[in-house]
Amino acid sequence: MEITLFHTSELATDTYVAINGDRAFVVDPGGSADEIMRFVESHGAKVEAVLLTHGHYDHIFGVAPLQEQGALVIMHKDDVHLVRSFKNLAFWFNKKVPPFTPDITLSGGETLNVAGLDVKVLHTPGHTAGGVCYVVGDCIFSGDTLFELSYGRTDFYTGSFAQLKNSIVNKLFRLEGDYKVYPGHNNATTLDFERRNNPILRDTE
């Protein structure tokens, strides 16, 4: 699996394109759908799926064009309502998310085969009720749950600090072994580093 980072949306969302031979998936396309498709095609691959970590506009604004080109859209059931709601926060930038309907809705705990790769789904609520992280091999796509030396905001609709701390400390940090962590914003990190240094360990709401 070859992972390429794109910065999309006004908020510099970390959008990831994962290519596995002639198959690919995209994580959190906050925009730049045409650029992403051209990139994947230039590598002789096709986008088979879009994996969404949550339903905020800066992570879903580019979904509809990718779905129109045949990509399956995968999202947790508890965030589906955000796609067509002001609660996806697009109104902050006088935008409206191009509507789409997820093809696969998640509950958490699933293992999917996406572009020929096993993708394990961890339900990690806290930033939003339907936040998830995707574990693929030794990589975690953590969305806005876990960042380098930080963690997701919990003051948006359906956010909860208690849930976020539980998701990070009792779900992510309890995974066996080390992982490369690809977050929704800013720099990649590792799970071992965050286990030792992330402020969620000492912070209280």
Protein backbone atom coordinates (compact mmCIF):
# COMPACT_ATOMS: atom_id res chain seq x y z
CA MET A 1 0.00 0.00 0.00
CA GLU A 2 1.35 3.37 -1.07
CA ILE A 3 -0.10 6.32 0.86
CA THR A 4 -0.10 9.84 -0.58
CA LEU A 5 -1.18 12.94 1.32
CA PHE A 6 -3.33 15.70 -0.19
CA HIS A 7 -4.29 18.89 1.64
CA THR A 8 -7.92 19.71 0.92
CA SER A 9 -10.43 22.32 2.13
CA GLU A 10 -9.82 25.70 3.75
CA LEU A 11 -8.84 23.88 6.91
CA ALA A 12 -5.98 21.96 5.27
CA THR A 13 -7.62 18.61 5.84
CA ASP A 14 -5.26 15.66 5.51
CA THR A 15 -6.80 13.55 2.75
CA TYR A 16 -5.09 10.25 2.06
CA VAL A 17 -4.98 8.25 -1.15
CA ALA A 18 -3.98 4.62 -0.63
CA ILE A 19 -2.99 2.70 -3.76
CA ASN A 20 -2.68 -1.06 -3.78
CA GLY A 21 -1.63 -2.12 -7.27
CA ASP A 22 -4.42 -1.05 -9.62
CA ARG A 23 -6.88 -0.48 -6.79
CA ALA A 24 -7.21 2.51 -4.47
CA PHE A 25 -9.24 4.07 -1.70
CA VAL A 26 -9.46 7.64 -0.41
CA VAL A 27 -9.78 8.71 3.21
CA ASP A 28 -11.67 11.94 3.99
CA PRO A 29 -11.78 13.85 0.70
CA GLY A 30 -12.41 17.40 1.87
CA GLY A 31 -12.27 18.56 -1.75
CA SER A 32 -9.97 18.30 -4.79
CA ALA A 33 -11.87 15.31 -6.16
CA ASP A 34 -10.73 15.93 -9.74
CA GLU A 35 -7.09 16.20 -8.69
CA ILE A 36 -7.35 13.00 -6.68
CA MET A 37 -8.92 11.09 -9.55
CA ARG A 38 -6.25 12.30 -11.99
CA PHE A 39 -3.54 11.26 -9.56
CA VAL A 40 -4.97 7.78 -9.09
CA GLU A 41 -5.48 7.32 -12.83
CA SER A 42 -1.90 8.41 -13.50
CA HIS A 43 -0.82 5.46 -11.36
CA GLY A 44 -2.96 3.05 -13.37
CA ALA A 45 -5.42 2.58 -10.54
CA LYS A 46 -9.08 3.21 -9.81
CA VAL A 47 -10.71 4.62 -6.68
CA GLU A 48 -12.89 1.82 -5.36
CA ALA A 49 -13.97 3.33 -2.05
CA VAL A 50 -14.10 6.45 0.08
CA LEU A 51 -13.56 5.92 3.81
CA LEU A 52 -14.97 8.68 5.99
CA THR A 53 -13.76 9.10 9.56
CA HIS A 54 -16.62 11.48 10.41
CA GLY A 55 -19.17 13.82 8.89
CA HIS A 56 -17.73 17.33 9.13
CA TYR A 57 -17.75 19.25 5.87
CA ASP A 58 -13.96 19.55 5.60
CA HIS A 59 -13.75 15.76 5.43
CA ILE A 60 -16.68 15.09 3.08
CA PHE A 61 -16.90 18.01 0.64
CA GLY A 62 -15.26 16.04 -2.17
CA VAL A 63 -17.20 12.80 -1.73
CA ALA A 64 -20.01 13.22 -4.26
CA PRO A 65 -17.80 13.45 -7.41
CA LEU A 66 -15.86 10.36 -6.36
CA GLN A 67 -19.08 8.45 -5.75
CA GLU A 68 -20.36 9.51 -9.17
CA GLN A 69 -17.27 7.88 -10.67
CA GLY A 70 -18.08 4.58 -9.00
CA ALA A 71 -16.44 4.75 -5.57
CA LEU A 72 -18.35 3.15 -2.70
CA VAL A 73 -18.80 5.54 0.23
CA ILE A 74 -18.32 4.12 3.71
CA MET A 75 -19.38 5.98 6.87
CA HIS A 76 -20.55 5.31 10.41
CA LYS A 77 -24.32 5.28 10.77
CA ASP A 78 -24.32 7.88 13.55
CA ASP A 79 -22.80 10.57 11.30
CA VAL A 80 -24.91 10.02 8.18
CA HIS A 81 -27.32 12.76 9.24
CA LEU A 82 -24.49 15.31 9.10
CA VAL A 83 -24.19 15.06 5.31
CA ARG A 84 -27.33 17.15 4.76
CA SER A 85 -27.31 19.08 8.03
CA PHE A 86 -25.93 22.48 9.00
CA LYS A 87 -24.22 20.54 11.77
CA ASN A 88 -21.51 19.50 9.28
CA LEU A 89 -20.21 23.08 9.75
CA ALA A 90 -20.06 24.03 6.05
CA PHE A 91 -22.07 27.17 6.85
CA TRP A 92 -18.96 28.60 8.48
CA PHE A 93 -17.57 29.08 4.97
CA ASN A 94 -20.87 29.84 3.22
CA LYS A 95 -20.79 26.43 1.59
CA LYS A 96 -23.14 23.51 1.19
CA VAL A 97 -21.84 19.95 0.94
CA PRO A 98 -22.77 18.30 -2.38
CA PRO A 99 -25.20 15.64 -1.17
CA PHE A 100 -24.49 11.95 -1.23
CA THR A 101 -25.82 8.80 0.40
CA PRO A 102 -23.31 6.36 1.90
CA ASP A 103 -23.26 2.94 0.24
CA ILE A 104 -22.11 1.16 3.40
CA THR A 105 -22.94 2.29 6.93
CA LEU A 106 -20.88 1.09 9.85
CA SER A 107 -21.55 0.24 13.46
CA GLY A 108 -17.94 -0.36 14.48
CA GLY A 109 -16.04 -3.61 14.83
CA GLU A 110 -16.27 -4.56 11.16
CA THR A 111 -13.38 -5.80 9.04
CA LEU A 112 -13.89 -4.79 5.42
CA ASN A 113 -12.03 -5.74 2.28
CA VAL A 114 -11.29 -2.47 0.52
CA ALA A 115 -9.13 -2.31 -2.60
CA GLY A 116 -7.79 -5.75 -1.74
CA LEU A 117 -6.81 -4.74 1.82
CA ASP A 118 -8.28 -5.65 5.19
CA VAL A 119 -9.67 -2.54 6.88
CA LYS A 120 -10.62 -2.82 10.55
CA VAL A 121 -13.16 -0.30 11.83
CA LEU A 122 -12.89 1.13 15.34
CA HIS A 123 -15.82 3.25 16.51
CA THR A 124 -14.15 6.17 18.27
CA PRO A 125 -16.84 8.70 19.23
CA GLY A 126 -16.00 11.97 20.90
CA HIS A 127 -15.23 14.45 18.14
CA THR A 128 -18.55 13.35 16.64
CA ALA A 129 -20.90 10.57 17.65
CA GLY A 130 -20.04 8.57 14.53
CA GLY A 131 -16.30 9.09 14.51
CA VAL A 132 -14.24 6.08 13.46
CA CYS A 133 -10.62 5.13 12.93
CA TYR A 134 -9.54 2.72 10.21
CA VAL A 135 -6.72 0.23 10.86
CA VAL A 136 -5.00 -1.03 7.72
CA GLY A 137 -1.92 -3.15 8.31
CA ASP A 138 0.40 -1.12 10.53
CA CYS A 139 -1.41 2.16 9.78
CA ILE A 140 -4.26 3.96 11.53
CA PHE A 141 -6.27 6.65 9.76
CA SER A 142 -7.42 8.52 12.85
CA GLY A 143 -9.44 11.41 11.40
CA ASP A 144 -10.04 14.07 14.05
CA THR A 145 -9.84 11.64 16.95
CA LEU A 146 -6.08 11.55 17.55
CA PHE A 147 -3.45 14.05 16.44
CA GLU A 148 0.26 14.46 17.03
CA LEU A 149 0.47 15.64 20.65
CA SER A 150 -3.20 16.60 20.51
CA TYR A 151 -6.72 15.31 19.97
CA GLY A 152 -9.99 16.34 18.39
CA ARG A 153 -12.22 19.15 19.56
CA THR A 154 -15.30 18.13 21.49
CA ASP A 155 -17.27 21.40 21.46
CA PHE A 156 -19.10 20.72 18.18
CA TYR A 157 -22.49 19.03 17.77
CA THR A 158 -22.49 15.48 19.26
CA GLY A 159 -18.98 16.00 20.69
CA SER A 160 -18.03 14.58 24.09
CA PHE A 161 -14.70 14.86 25.87
CA ALA A 162 -15.45 11.82 28.04
CA GLN A 163 -16.20 9.73 24.97
CA LEU A 164 -13.13 10.99 23.12
CA LYS A 165 -10.82 10.20 26.02
CA ASN A 166 -12.31 6.74 26.29
CA SER A 167 -11.91 6.20 22.54
CA ILE A 168 -8.24 7.16 22.62
CA VAL A 169 -7.11 5.67 25.93
CA ASN A 170 -9.22 2.52 26.02
CA LYS A 171 -9.48 1.70 22.32
CA LEU A 172 -6.58 3.13 20.34
CA PHE A 173 -3.89 3.00 23.02
CA ARG A 174 -4.83 -0.59 23.90
CA LEU A 175 -4.12 -1.90 20.42
CA GLU A 176 -1.17 -4.27 20.47
CA GLY A 177 2.06 -3.04 18.93
CA ASP A 178 2.98 0.20 17.26
CA TYR A 179 1.25 1.88 14.32
CA LYS A 180 1.85 4.81 12.04
CA VAL A 181 -0.96 7.28 12.71
CA TYR A 182 -2.33 9.37 9.84
CA PRO A 183 -4.56 12.08 11.35
CA GLY A 184 -7.12 14.40 9.80
CA HIS A 185 -4.91 17.47 10.21
CA ASN A 186 -1.23 18.25 10.75
CA ASN A 187 1.61 15.75 10.97
CA ALA A 188 1.65 11.98 11.01
CA THR A 189 2.79 10.38 14.25
CA THR A 190 3.05 6.95 15.86
CA LEU A 191 0.84 5.26 18.39
CA ASP A 192 3.75 4.51 20.74
CA PHE A 193 4.75 8.18 20.77
CA GLU A 194 1.20 9.27 21.57
CA ARG A 195 0.83 6.61 24.25
CA ARG A 196 3.75 8.24 26.05
CA ASN A 197 3.21 11.90 25.28
CA ASN A 198 -0.34 12.79 24.27
CA PRO A 199 -1.95 15.32 26.65
CA ILE A 200 -5.22 13.35 26.64
CA LEU A 201 -3.54 11.19 29.29
CA ARG A 202 -3.62 14.02 31.84
CA ASP A 203 -6.28 16.41 30.55
CA THR A 204 -9.71 16.61 32.07
CA GLU A 205 -12.71 18.43 30.63
